Amino acid sequence: MARNRVQPAACVPRGAPLRLALISETFGPEVNGVARTLGTLTAGLRDQGDEVLLVLSSHPAGRQDAGCPERTECIPSIALPGYAEVRLALPPPGRLGAVLRRFRPDVVHLATEGPLGFAGLRAARQLRLPCVSSYHTNFAMYLGAYRLGACTALVWKYLRWFHNRTLATLCPTAALQQTLNERGFERVGVWSRGVDSALFAPDRRREALRVQRGAGPQDRVLLYVGRLAAEKNVEAILAAFRLLHDWGTPVRLWVVGDGPRRAQLERQAGPGVTFTGFLHGEALAETYASADLFVFASYTETFGNVLQEAMASGLPVVAVRAPGPSQIVRHGATGLLVDGAGPEILARVCDALSRDEESRLRFGRKAREAMLERRWETINASVRELYLDIRSAP
């Protein structure tokens, strides 16, 4: 066994480039907050001159967005039944060990607890490579949305076992850090999220886009951006919109994104709702800035990158008081947090804010100001410092 271990590097100067192996079951071209976060981290490290090996589940569209084909290892995968956007890797025995032995990373970062993460953890421990992990998704809380609540305790047990076998676990907010600590997770730190405030900005507003999507001069446009999946609770937003329509509030609703629930949601939607599918880049930025109010009803969110994009675009937010949103939205300053994810409470808060133009505009200005401080460069520099500390540890 000893001959298979990667020997630790001799004393490496702290300023020397890093060699990082990042293992994940989501990355570009998938469109989600985790893929965007990992892509931004990878690009930033490579800009610093570091070498990053991406070990990813395969994707039918390819992994061109990985940005460095010669440093990307794709592992065969299958689509999760009923949720084609999620890929589960099926690593052949010994594959991860061979990959890591060949690359000789300073640190291994496990960004998935799925089959690929499990295989990566096992291989790294066999090779005595230092590992960190990141906690991105509230799988245990998702189970209720998929009628698997009876498995919650077992899932928490596995997640705790997995993360406690790494040197550090990074999660996106202090609130989630506290939750994980209470659940028995050890060595948990916070890795927050940045936002591109140059791309997502109020000056992207386009009146022509509002007209094109059917919004009149008196209409307030409500916006949702994200996956169309059970755990996102988009049904509550549609139901709230129907109540607003019944009350005579002049509103429209734009739904941006895709996912396994899209066809069902489109059948439920009535007049005044526009489904756009996925949007990217300037098209997405113009959609944010051309709306008036961002609505988010997920109660399982660990963070919510779309909240920051909306706020950078000058939109006030109405969101359920969940661990992620409660760390981003300042209630009564940049938006409003509601207790409970039911349609009526969402509708009443949206109705009040839609009619109170002074508060809506003030919240939007404060939201923009708050996001100007959230720079990816600063945030990801702290992650790199953690890698350097681990590399230099005896």
Protein backbone atom coordinates (compact mmCIF):
# COMPACT_ATOMS: atom_id res chain seq x y z
CA MET A 1 0.00 0.00 0.00
CA ALA A 2 2.81 2.43 0.88
CA ARG A 3 4.16 2.46 -2.66
CA ASN A 4 0.80 3.85 -3.92
CA ARG A 5 0.93 6.89 -1.68
CA VAL A 6 1.80 10.31 -3.08
CA GLN A 7 4.81 11.51 -1.17
CA PRO A 8 4.36 14.96 0.41
CA ALA A 9 6.22 17.75 -1.38
CA ALA A 10 9.37 19.12 0.17
CA CYS A 11 8.99 22.49 1.85
CA VAL A 12 7.30 24.66 -0.78
CA PRO A 13 7.61 28.47 -0.60
CA ARG A 14 4.24 29.98 0.30
CA GLY A 15 4.24 32.09 -2.85
CA ALA A 16 4.73 29.10 -5.15
CA PRO A 17 1.79 28.18 -7.42
CA LEU A 18 -0.74 25.74 -6.01
CA ARG A 19 -1.71 22.39 -7.45
CA LEU A 20 -5.38 21.84 -6.66
CA ALA A 21 -7.62 18.92 -7.60
CA LEU A 22 -11.26 20.05 -7.57
CA ILE A 23 -13.81 17.22 -7.66
CA SER A 24 -17.44 18.03 -8.50
CA GLU A 25 -20.54 16.56 -10.07
CA THR A 26 -21.68 19.97 -11.33
CA PHE A 27 -19.83 22.54 -13.43
CA GLY A 28 -20.42 24.39 -16.70
CA PRO A 29 -22.44 24.00 -18.89
CA GLU A 30 -24.90 23.35 -16.03
CA VAL A 31 -26.62 26.55 -14.93
CA ASN A 32 -26.79 26.72 -11.15
CA GLY A 33 -25.19 28.55 -8.26
CA VAL A 34 -22.72 25.77 -7.42
CA ALA A 35 -21.44 25.51 -11.00
CA ARG A 36 -21.04 29.28 -11.18
CA THR A 37 -19.25 29.43 -7.83
CA LEU A 38 -16.80 26.66 -8.74
CA GLY A 39 -16.20 28.14 -12.18
CA THR A 40 -15.37 31.53 -10.68
CA LEU A 41 -13.00 29.96 -8.14
CA THR A 42 -11.23 27.93 -10.83
CA ALA A 43 -10.80 30.92 -13.14
CA GLY A 44 -9.45 33.03 -10.29
CA LEU A 45 -6.90 30.40 -9.25
CA ARG A 46 -5.69 29.94 -12.80
CA ASP A 47 -5.33 33.71 -13.14
CA GLN A 48 -2.99 33.51 -10.11
CA GLY A 49 -0.83 30.99 -11.96
CA ASP A 50 -2.11 27.97 -10.02
CA GLU A 51 -2.68 24.59 -11.65
CA VAL A 52 -6.20 23.26 -11.20
CA LEU A 53 -7.23 19.76 -12.18
CA LEU A 54 -11.00 19.43 -12.54
CA VAL A 55 -12.42 15.97 -11.94
CA LEU A 56 -16.02 16.18 -13.12
CA SER A 57 -18.95 13.98 -14.00
CA SER A 58 -19.37 13.70 -17.77
CA HIS A 59 -22.02 15.84 -19.48
CA PRO A 60 -23.81 15.12 -22.77
CA ALA A 61 -22.97 18.63 -24.04
CA GLY A 62 -19.31 18.27 -23.09
CA ARG A 63 -17.33 20.23 -20.53
CA GLN A 64 -16.10 23.08 -22.71
CA ASP A 65 -16.90 25.53 -19.92
CA ALA A 66 -14.24 23.89 -17.78
CA GLY A 67 -11.88 26.24 -19.62
CA CYS A 68 -8.81 23.98 -19.66
CA PRO A 69 -9.46 20.66 -21.46
CA GLU A 70 -5.96 19.34 -20.78
CA ARG A 71 -6.62 19.74 -17.05
CA THR A 72 -10.13 18.24 -16.99
CA GLU A 73 -10.88 14.61 -16.22
CA CYS A 74 -14.46 13.55 -17.03
CA ILE A 75 -15.88 10.51 -15.24
CA PRO A 76 -18.76 8.54 -16.83
CA SER A 77 -22.13 9.57 -15.39
CA ILE A 78 -25.87 9.09 -15.70
CA ALA A 79 -28.74 11.53 -15.31
CA LEU A 80 -30.64 11.32 -12.03
CA PRO A 81 -34.00 9.67 -12.82
CA GLY A 82 -36.69 12.34 -12.98
CA TYR A 83 -34.16 15.16 -12.79
CA ALA A 84 -32.08 15.09 -15.97
CA GLU A 85 -30.16 18.25 -15.04
CA VAL A 86 -28.41 16.41 -12.19
CA ARG A 87 -25.60 14.02 -13.14
CA LEU A 88 -24.37 11.17 -10.94
CA ALA A 89 -20.84 9.99 -11.73
CA LEU A 90 -20.00 6.29 -11.78
CA PRO A 91 -16.23 6.25 -11.21
CA PRO A 92 -14.57 2.98 -12.24
CA PRO A 93 -12.61 1.31 -9.41
CA GLY A 94 -9.15 2.82 -9.05
CA ARG A 95 -9.80 5.67 -11.53
CA LEU A 96 -9.66 8.50 -8.98
CA GLY A 97 -6.54 7.10 -7.33
CA ALA A 98 -4.74 6.94 -10.69
CA VAL A 99 -5.82 10.48 -11.59
CA LEU A 100 -4.64 11.96 -8.27
CA ARG A 101 -1.40 10.00 -8.26
CA ARG A 102 -0.57 11.30 -11.72
CA PHE A 103 -1.39 14.96 -10.95
CA ARG A 104 0.15 15.04 -7.44
CA PRO A 105 -2.02 17.87 -6.02
CA ASP A 106 -1.10 19.90 -2.96
CA VAL A 107 -4.75 19.87 -1.87
CA VAL A 108 -7.90 18.02 -2.94
CA HIS A 109 -11.19 19.96 -2.76
CA LEU A 110 -14.32 17.79 -2.65
CA ALA A 111 -17.31 19.85 -3.82
CA THR A 112 -19.74 16.93 -3.89
CA GLU A 113 -20.82 14.31 -1.38
CA GLY A 114 -22.15 12.08 -4.18
CA PRO A 115 -20.49 8.98 -5.67
CA LEU A 116 -17.69 11.04 -7.21
CA GLY A 117 -16.96 12.82 -3.93
CA PHE A 118 -16.99 9.53 -2.03
CA ALA A 119 -14.53 7.98 -4.49
CA GLY A 120 -12.36 11.12 -4.30
CA LEU A 121 -12.33 11.05 -0.50
CA ARG A 122 -11.36 7.40 -0.43
CA ALA A 123 -8.58 7.87 -2.99
CA ALA A 124 -7.18 10.98 -1.28
CA ARG A 125 -7.07 9.25 2.11
CA GLN A 126 -5.33 6.21 0.62
CA LEU A 127 -2.74 8.51 -0.96
CA ARG A 128 -2.47 10.66 2.18
CA LEU A 129 -3.42 13.80 0.30
CA PRO A 130 -4.92 16.66 2.34
CA CYS A 131 -8.62 17.23 1.63
CA VAL A 132 -11.07 20.06 2.16
CA SER A 133 -14.75 19.90 1.34
CA SER A 134 -17.53 22.36 0.65
CA TYR A 135 -21.18 22.09 1.64
CA HIS A 136 -23.32 23.56 -1.14
CA THR A 137 -26.70 21.87 -1.08
CA ASN A 138 -29.17 21.15 1.70
CA PHE A 139 -29.86 17.58 0.59
CA ALA A 140 -31.42 16.62 3.92
CA MET A 141 -33.97 19.43 3.61
CA TYR A 142 -34.70 18.59 -0.04
CA LEU A 143 -36.01 15.17 0.94
CA GLY A 144 -39.35 16.49 2.12
CA ALA A 145 -40.00 18.09 -1.26
CA TYR A 146 -39.52 14.65 -2.87
CA ARG A 147 -41.53 12.70 -0.25
CA LEU A 148 -38.41 11.08 1.18
CA GLY A 149 -38.53 12.69 4.60
CA ALA A 150 -38.08 9.31 6.33
CA CYS A 151 -34.47 9.27 5.05
CA THR A 152 -33.51 12.61 6.64
CA ALA A 153 -31.67 11.23 9.68
CA LEU A 154 -29.70 8.78 7.55
CA VAL A 155 -28.67 11.51 5.10
CA TRP A 156 -27.48 13.79 7.92
CA LYS A 157 -25.45 10.90 9.34
CA TYR A 158 -23.72 10.30 6.01
CA LEU A 159 -23.06 14.01 5.38
CA ARG A 160 -21.54 14.40 8.85
CA TRP A 161 -19.37 11.31 8.34
CA PHE A 162 -18.19 12.54 4.92
CA HIS A 163 -17.31 16.11 5.87
CA ASN A 164 -15.68 15.23 9.18
CA ARG A 165 -13.09 13.19 7.28
CA THR A 166 -11.76 16.35 5.65
CA LEU A 167 -9.51 19.02 7.17
CA ALA A 168 -12.12 21.77 6.71
CA THR A 169 -15.68 22.14 5.46
CA LEU A 170 -16.62 25.39 3.74
CA CYS A 171 -20.24 26.56 3.72
CA PRO A 172 -21.69 29.80 2.32
CA THR A 173 -23.14 31.52 5.41
CA ALA A 174 -22.64 31.91 9.15
CA ALA A 175 -26.20 30.68 9.74
CA LEU A 176 -25.50 27.43 7.93
CA GLN A 177 -22.18 27.14 9.76
CA GLN A 178 -24.07 27.22 13.05
CA THR A 179 -26.56 24.61 11.81
CA LEU A 180 -23.76 22.28 10.75
CA ASN A 181 -21.94 22.77 14.06
CA GLU A 182 -25.13 21.86 15.91
CA ARG A 183 -25.38 18.73 13.75
CA GLY A 184 -21.92 17.60 14.83
CA PHE A 185 -19.91 18.83 11.83
CA GLU A 186 -16.34 19.77 12.73
CA ARG A 187 -13.91 22.42 11.40
CA VAL A 188 -16.62 24.35 9.51
CA GLY A 189 -15.69 27.69 7.95
CA VAL A 190 -17.53 30.24 5.81
CA TRP A 191 -16.86 30.69 2.10
CA SER A 192 -19.22 33.42 1.01
CA ARG A 193 -20.21 34.34 -2.56
CA GLY A 194 -19.50 37.35 -4.74
CA VAL A 195 -21.46 38.99 -7.52
CA ASP A 196 -20.49 40.71 -10.78
CA SER A 197 -21.80 44.20 -10.07
CA ALA A 198 -20.61 45.46 -13.45
CA LEU A 199 -22.76 42.97 -15.34
CA PHE A 200 -25.72 43.03 -12.97
CA ALA A 201 -26.53 46.73 -12.69
CA PRO A 202 -29.60 49.04 -12.74
CA ASP A 203 -28.49 50.74 -15.96
CA ARG A 204 -29.28 47.52 -17.83
CA ARG A 205 -33.01 48.31 -17.59
CA ARG A 206 -34.75 48.15 -20.99
CA GLU A 207 -38.26 49.53 -21.38
CA ALA A 208 -38.50 47.85 -24.79
CA LEU A 209 -37.98 44.48 -23.10
CA ARG A 210 -40.83 45.17 -20.69
CA VAL A 211 -43.14 46.05 -23.58
CA GLN A 212 -42.03 42.98 -25.54
CA ARG A 213 -43.03 40.75 -22.61
CA GLY A 214 -46.41 42.43 -22.18
CA ALA A 215 -45.80 44.80 -19.25
CA GLY A 216 -47.80 48.02 -19.41
CA PRO A 217 -46.77 51.41 -17.95
CA GLN A 218 -48.62 50.77 -14.67
CA ASP A 219 -47.52 47.15 -14.25
CA ARG A 220 -45.07 46.02 -11.63
CA VAL A 221 -42.98 43.10 -12.89
CA LEU A 222 -42.25 40.33 -10.39
CA LEU A 223 -39.24 38.14 -11.24
CA TYR A 224 -38.08 34.66 -10.28
CA VAL A 225 -34.75 33.25 -11.49
CA GLY A 226 -33.60 29.72 -10.69
CA ARG A 227 -34.18 26.02 -11.21
CA LEU A 228 -37.74 24.90 -11.77
CA ALA A 229 -37.66 22.03 -9.31
CA ALA A 230 -39.73 20.92 -6.33
CA GLU A 231 -37.35 22.29 -3.68
CA LYS A 232 -37.57 25.83 -5.13
CA ASN A 233 -41.29 26.14 -4.28
CA VAL A 234 -42.12 28.05 -7.47
CA GLU A 235 -45.72 26.83 -7.18
CA ALA A 236 -46.14 29.20 -4.24
CA ILE A 237 -44.99 32.14 -6.37
CA LEU A 238 -47.48 31.25 -9.11
CA ALA A 239 -50.28 30.93 -6.55
CA ALA A 240 -49.32 34.27 -5.00
CA PHE A 241 -49.37 35.87 -8.45
CA ARG A 242 -52.91 34.54 -9.06
CA LEU A 243 -54.02 36.12 -5.78
CA LEU A 244 -52.47 39.45 -6.80
CA HIS A 245 -54.27 39.21 -10.12
CA ASP A 246 -57.57 38.48 -8.36
CA TRP A 247 -57.04 41.49 -6.05
CA GLY A 248 -56.61 43.76 -9.04
CA THR A 249 -52.92 44.51 -8.45
CA PRO A 250 -51.35 45.47 -11.82
CA VAL A 251 -48.54 42.91 -12.00
CA ARG A 252 -46.74 40.62 -14.42
CA LEU A 253 -44.52 37.65 -13.57
CA TRP A 254 -41.36 36.59 -15.38
CA VAL A 255 -40.00 33.10 -14.63
CA VAL A 256 -36.40 32.57 -15.75
CA GLY A 257 -34.87 29.10 -15.67
CA ASP A 258 -35.62 25.49 -16.48
CA GLY A 259 -35.90 22.16 -14.76
CA PRO A 260 -38.06 19.07 -14.21
CA ARG A 261 -41.12 21.06 -13.06
CA ARG A 262 -41.27 23.49 -16.00
CA ALA A 263 -44.01 21.76 -18.00
CA GLN A 264 -46.19 21.37 -14.90
CA LEU A 265 -45.63 24.99 -13.85
CA GLU A 266 -46.50 26.28 -17.31
CA ARG A 267 -49.78 24.37 -17.15
CA GLN A 268 -50.54 25.97 -13.76
CA ALA A 269 -49.67 29.49 -14.87
CA GLY A 270 -52.41 31.83 -16.01
CA PRO A 271 -52.38 35.08 -17.99
CA GLY A 272 -49.58 37.51 -17.28
CA VAL A 273 -46.84 34.91 -16.68
CA THR A 274 -43.86 34.64 -19.06
CA PHE A 275 -41.47 31.67 -18.99
CA THR A 276 -38.16 32.52 -20.67
CA GLY A 277 -36.07 29.39 -20.12
CA PHE A 278 -32.42 29.85 -19.20
CA LEU A 279 -30.89 33.26 -19.87
CA HIS A 280 -27.22 34.16 -19.74
CA GLY A 281 -24.95 37.19 -19.72
CA GLU A 282 -26.45 40.48 -20.87
CA ALA A 283 -29.86 38.94 -21.60
CA LEU A 284 -30.09 37.82 -17.98
CA ALA A 285 -28.74 41.13 -16.66
CA GLU A 286 -31.29 43.11 -18.70
CA THR A 287 -34.10 40.90 -17.40
CA TYR A 288 -33.11 41.53 -13.78
CA ALA A 289 -32.82 45.28 -14.25
CA SER A 290 -36.08 45.53 -16.22
CA ALA A 291 -38.13 43.93 -13.43
CA ASP A 292 -39.40 45.72 -10.30
CA LEU A 293 -39.36 43.11 -7.54
CA PHE A 294 -37.55 39.79 -7.04
CA VAL A 295 -39.54 36.98 -5.39
CA PHE A 296 -37.93 33.86 -3.93
CA ALA A 297 -39.90 31.18 -2.07
CA SER A 298 -37.32 28.43 -1.51
CA TYR A 299 -37.07 27.35 2.14
CA THR A 300 -34.11 24.98 1.61
CA GLU A 301 -31.60 27.50 0.24
CA THR A 302 -28.05 27.42 1.59
CA PHE A 303 -27.26 30.74 -0.11
CA GLY A 304 -29.00 32.09 -3.22
CA ASN A 305 -26.65 33.60 -5.82
CA VAL A 306 -29.68 34.87 -7.74
CA LEU A 307 -30.64 37.05 -4.76
CA GLN A 308 -27.32 38.85 -5.02
CA GLU A 309 -27.67 39.27 -8.79
CA ALA A 310 -31.13 40.76 -8.33
CA MET A 311 -29.95 43.12 -5.60
CA ALA A 312 -26.92 44.23 -7.63
CA SER A 313 -29.44 45.04 -10.38
CA GLY A 314 -31.28 47.38 -8.01
CA LEU A 315 -34.21 45.11 -7.16
CA PRO A 316 -35.70 44.77 -3.68
CA VAL A 317 -36.22 41.16 -2.66
CA VAL A 318 -39.16 39.35 -1.09
CA ALA A 319 -37.88 36.00 0.18
CA VAL A 320 -38.72 33.27 2.66
CA ARG A 321 -36.70 33.55 5.87
CA ALA A 322 -34.36 30.60 5.17
CA PRO A 323 -30.66 30.28 6.15
CA GLY A 324 -29.36 31.60 2.83
CA PRO A 325 -31.70 34.55 2.14
CA SER A 326 -31.61 35.70 5.77
CA GLN A 327 -27.84 36.23 5.43
CA ILE A 328 -28.18 38.25 2.21
CA VAL A 329 -31.37 40.32 2.57
CA ARG A 330 -31.55 42.89 5.36
CA HIS A 331 -35.19 42.91 6.35
CA GLY A 332 -36.68 46.37 6.05
CA ALA A 333 -33.56 47.77 4.35
CA THR A 334 -32.86 45.85 1.12
CA GLY A 335 -36.05 43.82 0.98
CA LEU A 336 -38.49 41.86 3.10
CA LEU A 337 -38.22 38.39 4.63
CA VAL A 338 -41.41 36.46 5.30
CA ASP A 339 -42.00 33.73 7.85
CA GLY A 340 -43.54 30.84 5.95
CA ALA A 341 -43.62 29.95 2.28
CA GLY A 342 -47.37 30.07 1.71
CA PRO A 343 -48.88 31.93 -1.28
CA GLU A 344 -51.04 34.34 0.74
CA ILE A 345 -48.24 35.84 2.83
CA LEU A 346 -46.07 36.18 -0.29
CA ALA A 347 -48.95 37.86 -2.12
CA ARG A 348 -49.68 40.33 0.69
CA VAL A 349 -46.04 41.40 1.02
CA CYS A 350 -45.61 41.72 -2.76
CA ASP A 351 -48.86 43.68 -3.01
CA ALA A 352 -47.78 46.15 -0.32
CA LEU A 353 -44.32 46.66 -1.82
CA SER A 354 -45.69 46.96 -5.37
CA ARG A 355 -47.96 49.81 -4.27
CA ASP A 356 -45.36 51.56 -2.09
CA GLU A 357 -43.07 53.00 -4.74
CA GLU A 358 -40.98 55.02 -2.29
CA SER A 359 -40.06 51.97 -0.20
CA ARG A 360 -39.53 49.80 -3.26
CA LEU A 361 -37.08 52.24 -4.83
CA ARG A 362 -35.30 52.87 -1.51
CA PHE A 363 -34.87 49.14 -0.90
CA GLY A 364 -33.51 48.76 -4.44
CA ARG A 365 -30.90 51.47 -3.96
CA LYS A 366 -29.76 50.00 -0.65
CA ALA A 367 -29.64 46.53 -2.20
CA ARG A 368 -27.34 47.77 -4.96
CA GLU A 369 -25.06 49.50 -2.44
CA ALA A 370 -24.80 46.35 -0.33
CA MET A 371 -23.75 44.22 -3.30
CA LEU A 372 -20.94 46.55 -4.39
CA GLU A 373 -18.91 45.24 -1.44
CA ARG A 374 -19.23 41.55 -2.43
CA ARG A 375 -16.28 41.01 -4.73
CA TRP A 376 -15.35 37.55 -5.95
CA GLU A 377 -11.65 38.42 -5.93
CA THR A 378 -11.62 39.11 -2.19
CA ILE A 379 -13.82 36.16 -1.30
CA ASN A 380 -11.90 33.58 -3.32
CA ALA A 381 -8.56 34.94 -2.08
CA SER A 382 -9.55 33.72 1.38
CA VAL A 383 -10.16 30.21 0.01
CA ARG A 384 -6.73 30.25 -1.63
CA GLU A 385 -5.20 31.25 1.72
CA LEU A 386 -6.79 28.19 3.28
CA TYR A 387 -5.25 25.98 0.59
CA LEU A 388 -1.84 27.59 1.24
CA ASP A 389 -2.17 27.04 5.00
CA ILE A 390 -2.97 23.38 4.44
CA ARG A 391 -0.09 22.92 2.01
CA SER A 392 2.40 24.45 4.44
CA ALA A 393 1.14 22.51 7.48
CA PRO A 394 3.56 19.85 8.77
